[in-house]
Amino acid sequence: MTHANRMLIDVLLRDILTPEIVEEAVDAALEALLATDRLPRERRLLTDLTQLEEECRRLAVAFAAGGQMSSLIEALQKREAERERLRTAIAMKESDTRPNHVDRARLRNELLAFLGTGGRS
C-alpha cells in the first residue's frame, strides 16, 4: 500500500502539480494576501460613515421639527444600525496587522523555492 501511495504521489507531483500550476497558485495566493485595495476600502468606510452621520443629523432635525414620528424613528434606527456596522468595520480595519509593505517578489521566490525543493516530503 505504501508503494502504491508513493507512486500516486509521484504521478500527481509530476503530471498535476507542474511548475506552471504551482506558480499560478502562489501568484493567486499572494494577490489575495497582499490585496492593495486596503486604503481605498478604509476611505470608503469613512466616507460612508460621514454620510450616515449627516443623514442622522438631518433626521434628528426633521424629528425636532415635528415630522412624521414613526417613519422618522424607523429611518433613524436603520441609519444608527448601519453606522454601528461601519464603525465596527473601521475598527476591524484599524486592527488589521498585515504589513503595509511586503517585498512581493522576494516572498514569491521564497515560496517557489520551498515548494520546488520539497515542501513535499
PDB file of N, CA and C in Angstrom:
ATOM      1  N   MET A   1       0.823  -1.193   0.000  1.00  0.00           N
ATOM      2  CA  MET A   1       0.000   0.000   0.000  1.00  0.00           C
ATOM      3  C   MET A   1       0.866   1.255   0.000  1.00  0.00           C
ATOM      4  N   THR A   2       1.935   1.238   0.781  1.00  0.00           N
ATOM      5  CA  THR A   2       2.823   2.388   0.840  1.00  0.00           C
ATOM      6  C   THR A   2       3.444   2.651  -0.525  1.00  0.00           C
ATOM      7  N   HIS A   3       3.819   1.587  -1.230  1.00  0.00           N
ATOM      8  CA  HIS A   3       4.400   1.737  -2.566  1.00  0.00           C
ATOM      9  C   HIS A   3       3.378   2.363  -3.528  1.00  0.00           C
ATOM     10  N   ALA A   4       2.130   1.915  -3.457  1.00  0.00           N
ATOM     11  CA  ALA A   4       1.079   2.462  -4.312  1.00  0.00           C
ATOM     12  C   ALA A   4       0.846   3.936  -3.997  1.00  0.00           C
ATOM     13  N   ASN A   5       0.831   4.282  -2.725  1.00  0.00           N
ATOM     14  CA  ASN A   5       0.666   5.684  -2.334  1.00  0.00           C
ATOM     15  C   ASN A   5       1.805   6.534  -2.894  1.00  0.00           C
ATOM     16  N   ARG A   6       3.024   6.044  -2.765  1.00  0.00           N
ATOM     17  CA  ARG A   6       4.190   6.781  -3.253  1.00  0.00           C
ATOM     18  C   ARG A   6       4.115   6.975  -4.756  1.00  0.00           C
ATOM     19  N   MET A   7       3.657   5.935  -5.473  1.00  0.00           N
ATOM     20  CA  MET A   7       3.519   6.041  -6.929  1.00  0.00           C
ATOM     21  C   MET A   7       2.478   7.082  -7.303  1.00  0.00           C
ATOM     22  N   LEU A   8       1.363   7.083  -6.584  1.00  0.00           N
ATOM     23  CA  LEU A   8       0.311   8.060  -6.853  1.00  0.00           C
ATOM     24  C   LEU A   8       0.811   9.471  -6.585  1.00  0.00           C
ATOM     25  N   ILE A   9       1.487   9.652  -5.491  1.00  0.00           N
ATOM     26  CA  ILE A   9       2.033  10.974  -5.154  1.00  0.00           C
ATOM     27  C   ILE A   9       3.028  11.415  -6.227  1.00  0.00           C
ATOM     28  N   ASP A  10       3.875  10.535  -6.670  1.00  0.00           N
ATOM     29  CA  ASP A  10       4.843  10.873  -7.712  1.00  0.00           C
ATOM     30  C   ASP A  10       4.141  11.313  -8.995  1.00  0.00           C
ATOM     31  N   VAL A  11       3.088  10.592  -9.387  1.00  0.00           N
ATOM     32  CA  VAL A  11       2.341  10.958 -10.594  1.00  0.00           C
ATOM     33  C   VAL A  11       1.691  12.330 -10.414  1.00  0.00           C
ATOM     34  N   LEU A  12       1.093  12.556  -9.264  1.00  0.00           N
ATOM     35  CA  LEU A  12       0.465  13.862  -9.005  1.00  0.00           C
ATOM     36  C   LEU A  12       1.493  14.986  -9.082  1.00  0.00           C
ATOM     37  N   LEU A  13       2.621  14.790  -8.464  1.00  0.00           N
ATOM     38  CA  LEU A  13       3.654  15.821  -8.462  1.00  0.00           C
ATOM     39  C   LEU A  13       4.214  16.057  -9.860  1.00  0.00           C
ATOM     40  N   ARG A  14       4.361  15.021 -10.628  1.00  0.00           N
ATOM     41  CA  ARG A  14       4.947  15.138 -11.960  1.00  0.00           C
ATOM     42  C   ARG A  14       3.941  15.673 -12.984  1.00  0.00           C
ATOM     43  N   ASP A  15       2.705  15.161 -12.942  1.00  0.00           N
ATOM     44  CA  ASP A  15       1.753  15.462 -14.004  1.00  0.00           C
ATOM     45  C   ASP A  15       0.721  16.532 -13.643  1.00  0.00           C
ATOM     46  N   ILE A  16       0.422  16.678 -12.387  1.00  0.00           N
ATOM     47  CA  ILE A  16      -0.625  17.621 -11.982  1.00  0.00           C
ATOM     48  C   ILE A  16      -0.025  18.907 -11.422  1.00  0.00           C
ATOM     49  N   LEU A  17       0.864  18.763 -10.480  1.00  0.00           N
ATOM     50  CA  LEU A  17       1.459  19.945  -9.848  1.00  0.00           C
ATOM     51  C   LEU A  17       2.702  20.380 -10.618  1.00  0.00           C
ATOM     52  N   THR A  18       2.461  20.788 -11.835  1.00  0.00           N
ATOM     53  CA  THR A  18       3.569  21.250 -12.675  1.00  0.00           C
ATOM     54  C   THR A  18       4.063  22.590 -12.145  1.00  0.00           C
ATOM     55  N   PRO A  19       5.276  22.979 -12.494  1.00  0.00           N
ATOM     56  CA  PRO A  19       5.774  24.280 -12.037  1.00  0.00           C
ATOM     57  C   PRO A  19       4.841  25.436 -12.409  1.00  0.00           C
ATOM     58  N   GLU A  20       4.224  25.358 -13.582  1.00  0.00           N
ATOM     59  CA  GLU A  20       3.310  26.428 -14.004  1.00  0.00           C
ATOM     60  C   GLU A  20       2.096  26.513 -13.079  1.00  0.00           C
ATOM     61  N   ILE A  21       1.545  25.362 -12.735  1.00  0.00           N
ATOM     62  CA  ILE A  21       0.385  25.315 -11.845  1.00  0.00           C
ATOM     63  C   ILE A  21       0.759  25.849 -10.464  1.00  0.00           C
ATOM     64  N   VAL A  22       1.919  25.440  -9.968  1.00  0.00           N
ATOM     65  CA  VAL A  22       2.363  25.898  -8.648  1.00  0.00           C
ATOM     66  C   VAL A  22       2.571  27.404  -8.665  1.00  0.00           C
ATOM     67  N   GLU A  23       3.194  27.930  -9.726  1.00  0.00           N
ATOM     68  CA  GLU A  23       3.422  29.375  -9.819  1.00  0.00           C
ATOM     69  C   GLU A  23       2.103  30.134  -9.865  1.00  0.00           C
ATOM     70  N   GLU A  24       1.140  29.634 -10.623  1.00  0.00           N
ATOM     71  CA  GLU A  24      -0.177  30.283 -10.679  1.00  0.00           C
ATOM     72  C   GLU A  24      -0.843  30.284  -9.305  1.00  0.00           C
ATOM     73  N   ALA A  25      -0.742  29.183  -8.598  1.00  0.00           N
ATOM     74  CA  ALA A  25      -1.342  29.098  -7.264  1.00  0.00           C
ATOM     75  C   ALA A  25      -0.666  30.066  -6.296  1.00  0.00           C
ATOM     76  N   VAL A  26       0.657  30.139  -6.359  1.00  0.00           N
ATOM     77  CA  VAL A  26       1.388  31.065  -5.488  1.00  0.00           C
ATOM     78  C   VAL A  26       1.010  32.499  -5.829  1.00  0.00           C
ATOM     79  N   ASP A  27       0.941  32.841  -7.118  1.00  0.00           N
ATOM     80  CA  ASP A  27       0.569  34.192  -7.518  1.00  0.00           C
ATOM     81  C   ASP A  27      -0.845  34.551  -7.053  1.00  0.00           C
ATOM     82  N   ALA A  28      -1.767  33.618  -7.184  1.00  0.00           N
ATOM     83  CA  ALA A  28      -3.150  33.865  -6.740  1.00  0.00           C
ATOM     84  C   ALA A  28      -3.209  34.058  -5.227  1.00  0.00           C
ATOM     85  N   ALA A  29      -2.455  33.239  -4.500  1.00  0.00           N
ATOM     86  CA  ALA A  29      -2.444  33.371  -3.036  1.00  0.00           C
ATOM     87  C   ALA A  29      -1.837  34.703  -2.615  1.00  0.00           C
ATOM     88  N   LEU A  30      -0.758  35.100  -3.266  1.00  0.00           N
ATOM     89  CA  LEU A  30      -0.135  36.387  -2.934  1.00  0.00           C
ATOM     90  C   LEU A  30      -1.071  37.543  -3.248  1.00  0.00           C
ATOM     91  N   GLU A  31      -1.766  37.446  -4.352  1.00  0.00           N
ATOM     92  CA  GLU A  31      -2.703  38.516  -4.717  1.00  0.00           C
ATOM     93  C   GLU A  31      -3.787  38.667  -3.663  1.00  0.00           C
ATOM     94  N   ALA A  32      -4.313  37.552  -3.210  1.00  0.00           N
ATOM     95  CA  ALA A  32      -5.350  37.598  -2.171  1.00  0.00           C
ATOM     96  C   ALA A  32      -4.792  38.112  -0.850  1.00  0.00           C
ATOM     97  N   LEU A  33      -3.601  37.683  -0.509  1.00  0.00           N
ATOM     98  CA  LEU A  33      -2.989  38.074   0.759  1.00  0.00           C
ATOM     99  C   LEU A  33      -2.571  39.531   0.782  1.00  0.00           C
ATOM    100  N   LEU A  34      -2.058  40.004  -0.326  1.00  0.00           N
ATOM    101  CA  LEU A  34      -1.481  41.349  -0.366  1.00  0.00           C
ATOM    102  C   LEU A  34      -2.345  42.318  -1.156  1.00  0.00           C
ATOM    103  N   ALA A  35      -3.637  42.117  -1.133  1.00  0.00           N
ATOM    104  CA  ALA A  35      -4.541  42.987  -1.889  1.00  0.00           C
ATOM    105  C   ALA A  35      -4.220  44.442  -1.591  1.00  0.00           C
ATOM    106  N   THR A  36      -4.157  45.230  -2.649  1.00  0.00           N
ATOM    107  CA  THR A  36      -3.735  46.619  -2.496  1.00  0.00           C
ATOM    108  C   THR A  36      -4.900  47.583  -2.296  1.00  0.00           C
ATOM    109  N   ASP A  37      -6.100  47.084  -2.196  1.00  0.00           N
ATOM    110  CA  ASP A  37      -7.241  47.991  -2.058  1.00  0.00           C
ATOM    111  C   ASP A  37      -7.553  48.310  -0.605  1.00  0.00           C
ATOM    112  N   ARG A  38      -6.638  48.031   0.290  1.00  0.00           N
ATOM    113  CA  ARG A  38      -6.877  48.220   1.720  1.00  0.00           C
ATOM    114  C   ARG A  38      -7.185  49.679   2.062  1.00  0.00           C
ATOM    115  N   LEU A  39      -6.354  50.606   1.619  1.00  0.00           N
ATOM    116  CA  LEU A  39      -6.585  52.014   1.931  1.00  0.00           C
ATOM    117  C   LEU A  39      -7.846  52.561   1.267  1.00  0.00           C
ATOM    118  N   PRO A  40      -8.085  52.284  -0.022  1.00  0.00           N
ATOM    119  CA  PRO A  40      -9.334  52.776  -0.603  1.00  0.00           C
ATOM    120  C   PRO A  40     -10.570  52.264   0.138  1.00  0.00           C
ATOM    121  N   ARG A  41     -10.539  51.025   0.603  1.00  0.00           N
ATOM    122  CA  ARG A  41     -11.684  50.486   1.348  1.00  0.00           C
ATOM    123  C   ARG A  41     -11.866  51.242   2.648  1.00  0.00           C
ATOM    124  N   GLU A  42     -10.782  51.544   3.335  1.00  0.00           N
ATOM    125  CA  GLU A  42     -10.876  52.316   4.575  1.00  0.00           C
ATOM    126  C   GLU A  42     -11.466  53.698   4.293  1.00  0.00           C
ATOM    127  N   ARG A  43     -11.034  54.306   3.202  1.00  0.00           N
ATOM    128  CA  ARG A  43     -11.571  55.627   2.842  1.00  0.00           C
ATOM    129  C   ARG A  43     -13.065  55.550   2.548  1.00  0.00           C
ATOM    130  N   ARG A  44     -13.467  54.483   1.831  1.00  0.00           N
ATOM    131  CA  ARG A  44     -14.902  54.323   1.536  1.00  0.00           C
ATOM    132  C   ARG A  44     -15.706  54.167   2.813  1.00  0.00           C
ATOM    133  N   LEU A  45     -15.184  53.376   3.744  1.00  0.00           N
ATOM    134  CA  LEU A  45     -15.885  53.179   5.017  1.00  0.00           C
ATOM    135  C   LEU A  45     -16.030  54.511   5.754  1.00  0.00           C
ATOM    136  N   LEU A  46     -14.958  55.293   5.782  1.00  0.00           N
ATOM    137  CA  LEU A  46     -15.017  56.592   6.468  1.00  0.00           C
ATOM    138  C   LEU A  46     -15.972  57.549   5.762  1.00  0.00           C
ATOM    139  N   THR A  47     -15.962  57.542   4.430  1.00  0.00           N
ATOM    140  CA  THR A  47     -16.882  58.396   3.668  1.00  0.00           C
ATOM    141  C   THR A  47     -18.328  57.991   3.934  1.00  0.00           C
ATOM    142  N   ASP A  48     -18.585  56.685   3.913  1.00  0.00           N
ATOM    143  CA  ASP A  48     -19.939  56.194   4.193  1.00  0.00           C
ATOM    144  C   ASP A  48     -20.376  56.570   5.603  1.00  0.00           C
ATOM    145  N   LEU A  49     -19.460  56.461   6.557  1.00  0.00           N
ATOM    146  CA  LEU A  49     -19.784  56.822   7.935  1.00  0.00           C
ATOM    147  C   LEU A  49     -20.120  58.299   8.039  1.00  0.00           C
ATOM    148  N   THR A  50     -19.358  59.145   7.387  1.00  0.00           N
ATOM    149  CA  THR A  50     -19.622  60.588   7.405  1.00  0.00           C
ATOM    150  C   THR A  50     -20.995  60.888   6.810  1.00  0.00           C
ATOM    151  N   GLN A  51     -21.327  60.230   5.704  1.00  0.00           N
ATOM    152  CA  GLN A  51     -22.638  60.440   5.077  1.00  0.00           C
ATOM    153  C   GLN A  51     -23.766  59.982   5.995  1.00  0.00           C
ATOM    154  N   LEU A  52     -23.580  58.847   6.650  1.00  0.00           N
ATOM    155  CA  LEU A  52     -24.609  58.354   7.565  1.00  0.00           C
ATOM    156  C   LEU A  52     -24.799  59.294   8.751  1.00  0.00           C
ATOM    157  N   GLU A  53     -23.706  59.815   9.265  1.00  0.00           N
ATOM    158  CA  GLU A  53     -23.825  60.751  10.390  1.00  0.00           C
ATOM    159  C   GLU A  53     -24.583  62.009   9.966  1.00  0.00           C
ATOM    160  N   GLU A  54     -24.348  62.465   8.739  1.00  0.00           N
ATOM    161  CA  GLU A  54     -25.087  63.631   8.235  1.00  0.00           C
ATOM    162  C   GLU A  54     -26.573  63.298   8.077  1.00  0.00           C
ATOM    163  N   GLU A  55     -26.881  62.103   7.581  1.00  0.00           N
ATOM    164  CA  GLU A  55     -28.279  61.685   7.458  1.00  0.00           C
ATOM    165  C   GLU A  55     -28.940  61.625   8.835  1.00  0.00           C
ATOM    166  N   CYS A  56     -28.232  61.121   9.823  1.00  0.00           N
ATOM    167  CA  CYS A  56     -28.779  61.051  11.179  1.00  0.00           C
ATOM    168  C   CYS A  56     -29.064  62.450  11.715  1.00  0.00           C
ATOM    169  N   ARG A  57     -28.161  63.389  11.447  1.00  0.00           N
ATOM    170  CA  ARG A  57     -28.395  64.777  11.883  1.00  0.00           C
ATOM    171  C   ARG A  57     -29.643  65.360  11.220  1.00  0.00           C
ATOM    172  N   ARG A  58     -29.788  65.115   9.914  1.00  0.00           N
ATOM    173  CA  ARG A  58     -30.971  65.641   9.208  1.00  0.00           C
ATOM    174  C   ARG A  58     -32.254  65.019   9.738  1.00  0.00           C
ATOM    175  N   LEU A  59     -32.206  63.717  10.017  1.00  0.00           N
ATOM    176  CA  LEU A  59     -33.385  63.053  10.581  1.00  0.00           C
ATOM    177  C   LEU A  59     -33.716  63.600  11.964  1.00  0.00           C
ATOM    178  N   ALA A  60     -32.700  63.880  12.754  1.00  0.00           N
ATOM    179  CA  ALA A  60     -32.937  64.455  14.085  1.00  0.00           C
ATOM    180  C   ALA A  60     -33.576  65.840  13.971  1.00  0.00           C
ATOM    181  N   VAL A  61     -33.126  66.613  13.003  1.00  0.00           N
ATOM    182  CA  VAL A  61     -33.709  67.947  12.781  1.00  0.00           C
ATOM    183  C   VAL A  61     -35.166  67.803  12.353  1.00  0.00           C
ATOM    184  N   ALA A  62     -35.448  66.874  11.440  1.00  0.00           N
ATOM    185  CA  ALA A  62     -36.827  66.650  10.994  1.00  0.00           C
ATOM    186  C   ALA A  62     -37.693  66.179  12.153  1.00  0.00           C
ATOM    187  N   PHE A  63     -37.124  65.337  13.004  1.00  0.00           N
ATOM    188  CA  PHE A  63     -37.831  64.846  14.180  1.00  0.00           C
ATOM    189  C   PHE A  63     -38.157  66.002  15.117  1.00  0.00           C
ATOM    190  N   ALA A  64     -37.187  66.868  15.350  1.00  0.00           N
ATOM    191  CA  ALA A  64     -37.385  68.020  16.238  1.00  0.00           C
ATOM    192  C   ALA A  64     -38.403  68.999  15.660  1.00  0.00           C
ATOM    193  N   ALA A  65     -38.486  69.060  14.342  1.00  0.00           N
ATOM    194  CA  ALA A  65     -39.432  69.969  13.698  1.00  0.00           C
ATOM    195  C   ALA A  65     -40.846  69.401  13.685  1.00  0.00           C
ATOM    196  N   GLY A  66     -41.009  68.199  14.197  1.00  0.00           N
ATOM    197  CA  GLY A  66     -42.347  67.624  14.301  1.00  0.00           C
ATOM    198  C   GLY A  66     -42.778  66.843  13.084  1.00  0.00           C
ATOM    199  N   GLY A  67     -41.846  66.244  12.399  1.00  0.00           N
ATOM    200  CA  GLY A  67     -42.183  65.433  11.228  1.00  0.00           C
ATOM    201  C   GLY A  67     -42.896  64.150  11.629  1.00  0.00           C
ATOM    202  N   GLN A  68     -43.212  63.337  10.662  1.00  0.00           N
ATOM    203  CA  GLN A  68     -43.892  62.059  10.884  1.00  0.00           C
ATOM    204  C   GLN A  68     -43.043  61.190  11.803  1.00  0.00           C
ATOM    205  N   MET A  69     -43.437  61.080  13.066  1.00  0.00           N
ATOM    206  CA  MET A  69     -42.619  60.456  14.100  1.00  0.00           C
ATOM    207  C   MET A  69     -42.247  59.007  13.798  1.00  0.00           C
ATOM    208  N   SER A  70     -43.222  58.175  13.483  1.00  0.00           N
ATOM    209  CA  SER A  70     -42.925  56.748  13.337  1.00  0.00           C
ATOM    210  C   SER A  70     -41.962  56.488  12.183  1.00  0.00           C
ATOM    211  N   SER A  71     -42.161  57.136  11.049  1.00  0.00           N
ATOM    212  CA  SER A  71     -41.261  56.890   9.918  1.00  0.00           C
ATOM    213  C   SER A  71     -39.887  57.505  10.162  1.00  0.00           C
ATOM    214  N   LEU A  72     -39.838  58.628  10.874  1.00  0.00           N
ATOM    215  CA  LEU A  72     -38.541  59.227  11.196  1.00  0.00           C
ATOM    216  C   LEU A  72     -37.765  58.353  12.177  1.00  0.00           C
ATOM    217  N   ILE A  73     -38.459  57.833  13.157  1.00  0.00           N
ATOM    218  CA  ILE A  73     -37.806  56.958  14.139  1.00  0.00           C
ATOM    219  C   ILE A  73     -37.289  55.700  13.443  1.00  0.00           C
ATOM    220  N   GLU A  74     -38.094  55.115  12.574  1.00  0.00           N
ATOM    221  CA  GLU A  74     -37.667  53.910  11.854  1.00  0.00           C
ATOM    222  C   GLU A  74     -36.442  54.200  10.979  1.00  0.00           C
ATOM    223  N   ALA A  75     -36.484  55.310  10.264  1.00  0.00           N
ATOM    224  CA  ALA A  75     -35.349  55.679   9.410  1.00  0.00           C
ATOM    225  C   ALA A  75     -34.095  55.929  10.251  1.00  0.00           C
ATOM    226  N   LEU A  76     -34.254  56.593  11.380  1.00  0.00           N
ATOM    227  CA  LEU A  76     -33.123  56.872  12.250  1.00  0.00           C
ATOM    228  C   LEU A  76     -32.542  55.580  12.827  1.00  0.00           C
ATOM    229  N   GLN A  77     -33.394  54.646  13.204  1.00  0.00           N
ATOM    230  CA  GLN A  77     -32.923  53.362  13.735  1.00  0.00           C
ATOM    231  C   GLN A  77     -32.124  52.591  12.686  1.00  0.00           C
ATOM    232  N   LYS A  78     -32.599  52.607  11.442  1.00  0.00           N
ATOM    233  CA  LYS A  78     -31.865  51.930  10.365  1.00  0.00           C
ATOM    234  C   LYS A  78     -30.498  52.573  10.162  1.00  0.00           C
ATOM    235  N   ARG A  79     -30.459  53.908  10.158  1.00  0.00           N
ATOM    236  CA  ARG A  79     -29.184  54.616   9.976  1.00  0.00           C
ATOM    237  C   ARG A  79     -28.225  54.346  11.139  1.00  0.00           C
ATOM    238  N   GLU A  80     -28.777  54.300  12.346  1.00  0.00           N
ATOM    239  CA  GLU A  80     -27.944  54.019  13.523  1.00  0.00           C
ATOM    240  C   GLU A  80     -27.342  52.620  13.448  1.00  0.00           C
ATOM    241  N   ALA A  81     -28.129  51.647  13.013  1.00  0.00           N
ATOM    242  CA  ALA A  81     -27.619  50.279  12.892  1.00  0.00           C
ATOM    243  C   ALA A  81     -26.513  50.214  11.835  1.00  0.00           C
ATOM    244  N   GLU A  82     -26.728  50.886  10.726  1.00  0.00           N
ATOM    245  CA  GLU A  82     -25.711  50.917   9.671  1.00  0.00           C
ATOM    246  C   GLU A  82     -24.456  51.646  10.151  1.00  0.00           C
ATOM    247  N   ARG A  83     -24.639  52.703  10.910  1.00  0.00           N
ATOM    248  CA  ARG A  83     -23.494  53.450  11.450  1.00  0.00           C
ATOM    249  C   ARG A  83     -22.670  52.563  12.383  1.00  0.00           C
ATOM    250  N   GLU A  84     -23.316  51.783  13.215  1.00  0.00           N
ATOM    251  CA  GLU A  84     -22.589  50.873  14.108  1.00  0.00           C
ATOM    252  C   GLU A  84     -21.852  49.795  13.317  1.00  0.00           C
ATOM    253  N   ARG A  85     -22.483  49.303  12.255  1.00  0.00           N
ATOM    254  CA  ARG A  85     -21.828  48.311  11.408  1.00  0.00           C
ATOM    255  C   ARG A  85     -20.561  48.904  10.781  1.00  0.00           C
ATOM    256  N   LEU A  86     -20.659  50.131  10.293  1.00  0.00           N
ATOM    257  CA  LEU A  86     -19.497  50.793   9.705  1.00  0.00           C
ATOM    258  C   LEU A  86     -18.408  51.047  10.738  1.00  0.00           C
ATOM    259  N   ARG A  87     -18.788  51.465  11.916  1.00  0.00           N
ATOM    260  CA  ARG A  87     -17.792  51.694  12.976  1.00  0.00           C
ATOM    261  C   ARG A  87     -17.055  50.401  13.320  1.00  0.00           C
ATOM    262  N   THR A  88     -17.793  49.304  13.362  1.00  0.00           N
ATOM    263  CA  THR A  88     -17.168  48.010  13.633  1.00  0.00           C
ATOM    264  C   THR A  88     -16.207  47.632  12.506  1.00  0.00           C
ATOM    265  N   ALA A  89     -16.629  47.836  11.266  1.00  0.00           N
ATOM    266  CA  ALA A  89     -15.766  47.521  10.123  1.00  0.00           C
ATOM    267  C   ALA A  89     -14.500  48.369  10.142  1.00  0.00           C
ATOM    268  N   ILE A  90     -14.642  49.651  10.494  1.00  0.00           N
ATOM    269  CA  ILE A  90     -13.483  50.539  10.574  1.00  0.00           C
ATOM    270  C   ILE A  90     -12.548  50.085  11.683  1.00  0.00           C
ATOM    271  N   ALA A  91     -13.096  49.734  12.821  1.00  0.00           N
ATOM    272  CA  ALA A  91     -12.265  49.263  13.935  1.00  0.00           C
ATOM    273  C   ALA A  91     -11.524  47.986  13.544  1.00  0.00           C
ATOM    274  N   MET A  92     -12.185  47.113  12.812  1.00  0.00           N
ATOM    275  CA  MET A  92     -11.532  45.875  12.381  1.00  0.00           C
ATOM    276  C   MET A  92     -10.402  46.176  11.396  1.00  0.00           C
ATOM    277  N   LYS A  93     -10.613  47.144  10.500  1.00  0.00           N
ATOM    278  CA  LYS A  93      -9.564  47.507   9.554  1.00  0.00           C
ATOM    279  C   LYS A  93      -8.378  48.124  10.283  1.00  0.00           C
ATOM    280  N   GLU A  94      -8.649  48.931  11.310  1.00  0.00           N
ATOM    281  CA  GLU A  94      -7.572  49.568  12.060  1.00  0.00           C
ATOM    282  C   GLU A  94      -6.756  48.549  12.829  1.00  0.00           C
ATOM    283  N   SER A  95      -7.385  47.443  13.229  1.00  0.00           N
ATOM    284  CA  SER A  95      -6.653  46.428  13.978  1.00  0.00           C
ATOM    285  C   SER A  95      -6.005  45.398  13.056  1.00  0.00           C
ATOM    286  N   ASP A  96      -6.172  45.569  11.769  1.00  0.00           N
ATOM    287  CA  ASP A  96      -5.565  44.668  10.795  1.00  0.00           C
ATOM    288  C   ASP A  96      -4.046  44.780  10.914  1.00  0.00           C
ATOM    289  N   THR A  97      -3.413  43.674  11.202  1.00  0.00           N
ATOM    290  CA  THR A  97      -1.973  43.706  11.461  1.00  0.00           C
ATOM    291  C   THR A  97      -1.142  43.298  10.248  1.00  0.00           C
ATOM    292  N   ARG A  98      -1.790  43.182   9.094  1.00  0.00           N
ATOM    293  CA  ARG A  98      -1.000  42.854   7.910  1.00  0.00           C
ATOM    294  C   ARG A  98      -0.025  43.995   7.646  1.00  0.00           C
ATOM    295  N   PRO A  99       1.157  43.663   7.198  1.00  0.00           N
ATOM    296  CA  PRO A  99       2.139  44.711   6.925  1.00  0.00           C
ATOM    297  C   PRO A  99       1.688  45.585   5.757  1.00  0.00           C
ATOM    298  N   ASN A 100       2.044  46.868   5.812  1.00  0.00           N
ATOM    299  CA  ASN A 100       1.693  47.773   4.725  1.00  0.00           C
ATOM    300  C   ASN A 100       2.545  47.522   3.485  1.00  0.00           C
ATOM    301  N   HIS A 101       3.756  47.023   3.694  1.00  0.00           N
ATOM    302  CA  HIS A 101       4.615  46.755   2.543  1.00  0.00           C
ATOM    303  C   HIS A 101       5.274  45.389   2.696  1.00  0.00           C
ATOM    304  N   VAL A 102       5.165  44.616   1.653  1.00  0.00           N
ATOM    305  CA  VAL A 102       5.804  43.308   1.618  1.00  0.00           C
ATOM    306  C   VAL A 102       6.552  43.232   0.300  1.00  0.00           C
ATOM    307  N   ASP A 103       7.751  42.728   0.351  1.00  0.00           N
ATOM    308  CA  ASP A 103       8.513  42.525  -0.872  1.00  0.00           C
ATOM    309  C   ASP A 103       7.926  41.307  -1.582  1.00  0.00           C
ATOM    310  N   ARG A 104       6.988  41.586  -2.455  1.00  0.00           N
ATOM    311  CA  ARG A 104       6.227  40.529  -3.116  1.00  0.00           C
ATOM    312  C   ARG A 104       7.130  39.573  -3.892  1.00  0.00           C
ATOM    313  N   ALA A 105       8.092  40.122  -4.625  1.00  0.00           N
ATOM    314  CA  ALA A 105       8.976  39.282  -5.435  1.00  0.00           C
ATOM    315  C   ALA A 105       9.796  38.347  -4.544  1.00  0.00           C
ATOM    316  N   ARG A 106      10.310  38.879  -3.449  1.00  0.00           N
ATOM    317  CA  ARG A 106      11.109  38.050  -2.544  1.00  0.00           C
ATOM    318  C   ARG A 106      10.253  36.943  -1.924  1.00  0.00           C
ATOM    319  N   LEU A 107       9.055  37.301  -1.471  1.00  0.00           N
ATOM    320  CA  LEU A 107       8.167  36.310  -0.876  1.00  0.00           C
ATOM    321  C   LEU A 107       7.800  35.233  -1.899  1.00  0.00           C
ATOM    322  N   ARG A 108       7.504  35.657  -3.116  1.00  0.00           N
ATOM    323  CA  ARG A 108       7.163  34.702  -4.181  1.00  0.00           C
ATOM    324  C   ARG A 108       8.329  33.746  -4.421  1.00  0.00           C
ATOM    325  N   ASN A 109       9.536  34.296  -4.535  1.00  0.00           N
ATOM    326  CA  ASN A 109      10.710  33.452  -4.779  1.00  0.00           C
ATOM    327  C   ASN A 109      10.941  32.470  -3.635  1.00  0.00           C
ATOM    328  N   GLU A 110      10.749  32.931  -2.409  1.00  0.00           N
ATOM    329  CA  GLU A 110      10.927  32.040  -1.258  1.00  0.00           C
ATOM    330  C   GLU A 110       9.901  30.914  -1.263  1.00  0.00           C
ATOM    331  N   LEU A 111       8.646  31.256  -1.576  1.00  0.00           N
ATOM    332  CA  LEU A 111       7.607  30.225  -1.638  1.00  0.00           C
ATOM    333  C   LEU A 111       7.895  29.205  -2.743  1.00  0.00           C
ATOM    334  N   LEU A 112       8.262  29.717  -3.907  1.00  0.00           N
ATOM    335  CA  LEU A 112       8.543  28.808  -5.014  1.00  0.00           C
ATOM    336  C   LEU A 112       9.762  27.935  -4.714  1.00  0.00           C
ATOM    337  N   ALA A 113      10.761  28.508  -4.074  1.00  0.00           N
ATOM    338  CA  ALA A 113      11.947  27.716  -3.705  1.00  0.00           C
ATOM    339  C   ALA A 113      11.556  26.623  -2.721  1.00  0.00           C
ATOM    340  N   PHE A 114      10.728  26.983  -1.745  1.00  0.00           N
ATOM    341  CA  PHE A 114      10.284  25.995  -0.765  1.00  0.00           C
ATOM    342  C   PHE A 114       9.508  24.877  -1.455  1.00  0.00           C
ATOM    343  N   LEU A 115       8.578  25.257  -2.309  1.00  0.00           N
ATOM    344  CA  LEU A 115       7.761  24.255  -2.989  1.00  0.00           C
ATOM    345  C   LEU A 115       8.587  23.429  -3.964  1.00  0.00           C
ATOM    346  N   GLY A 116       9.562  24.062  -4.586  1.00  0.00           N
ATOM    347  CA  GLY A 116      10.390  23.360  -5.553  1.00  0.00           C
ATOM    348  C   GLY A 116      11.396  22.442  -4.906  1.00  0.00           C
ATOM    349  N   THR A 117      11.803  22.746  -3.676  1.00  0.00           N
ATOM    350  CA  THR A 117      12.820  21.909  -3.027  1.00  0.00           C
ATOM    351  C   THR A 117      12.196  20.832  -2.189  1.00  0.00           C
ATOM    352  N   GLY A 118      10.975  20.739  -2.202  1.00  0.00           N
ATOM    353  CA  GLY A 118      10.413  19.619  -1.488  1.00  0.00           C
ATOM    354  C   GLY A 118       9.394  19.984  -0.501  1.00  0.00           C
ATOM    355  N   GLY A 119       8.965  21.077  -0.268  1.00  0.00           N
ATOM    356  CA  GLY A 119       7.911  21.235   0.672  1.00  0.00           C
ATOM    357  C   GLY A 119       7.015  20.019   0.526  1.00  0.00           C
ATOM    358  N   ARG A 120       7.498  18.994  -0.115  1.00  0.00           N
ATOM    359  CA  ARG A 120       6.724  17.778  -0.420  1.00  0.00           C
ATOM    360  C   ARG A 120       7.382  16.563   0.195  1.00  0.00           C
ATOM    361  N   SER A 121       7.654  16.495   1.393  1.00  0.00           N
ATOM    362  CA  SER A 121       8.375  15.353   1.950  1.00  0.00           C
ATOM    363  C   SER A 121       7.628  14.087   1.909  1.00  0.00           C
TER     364      SER A 121
END
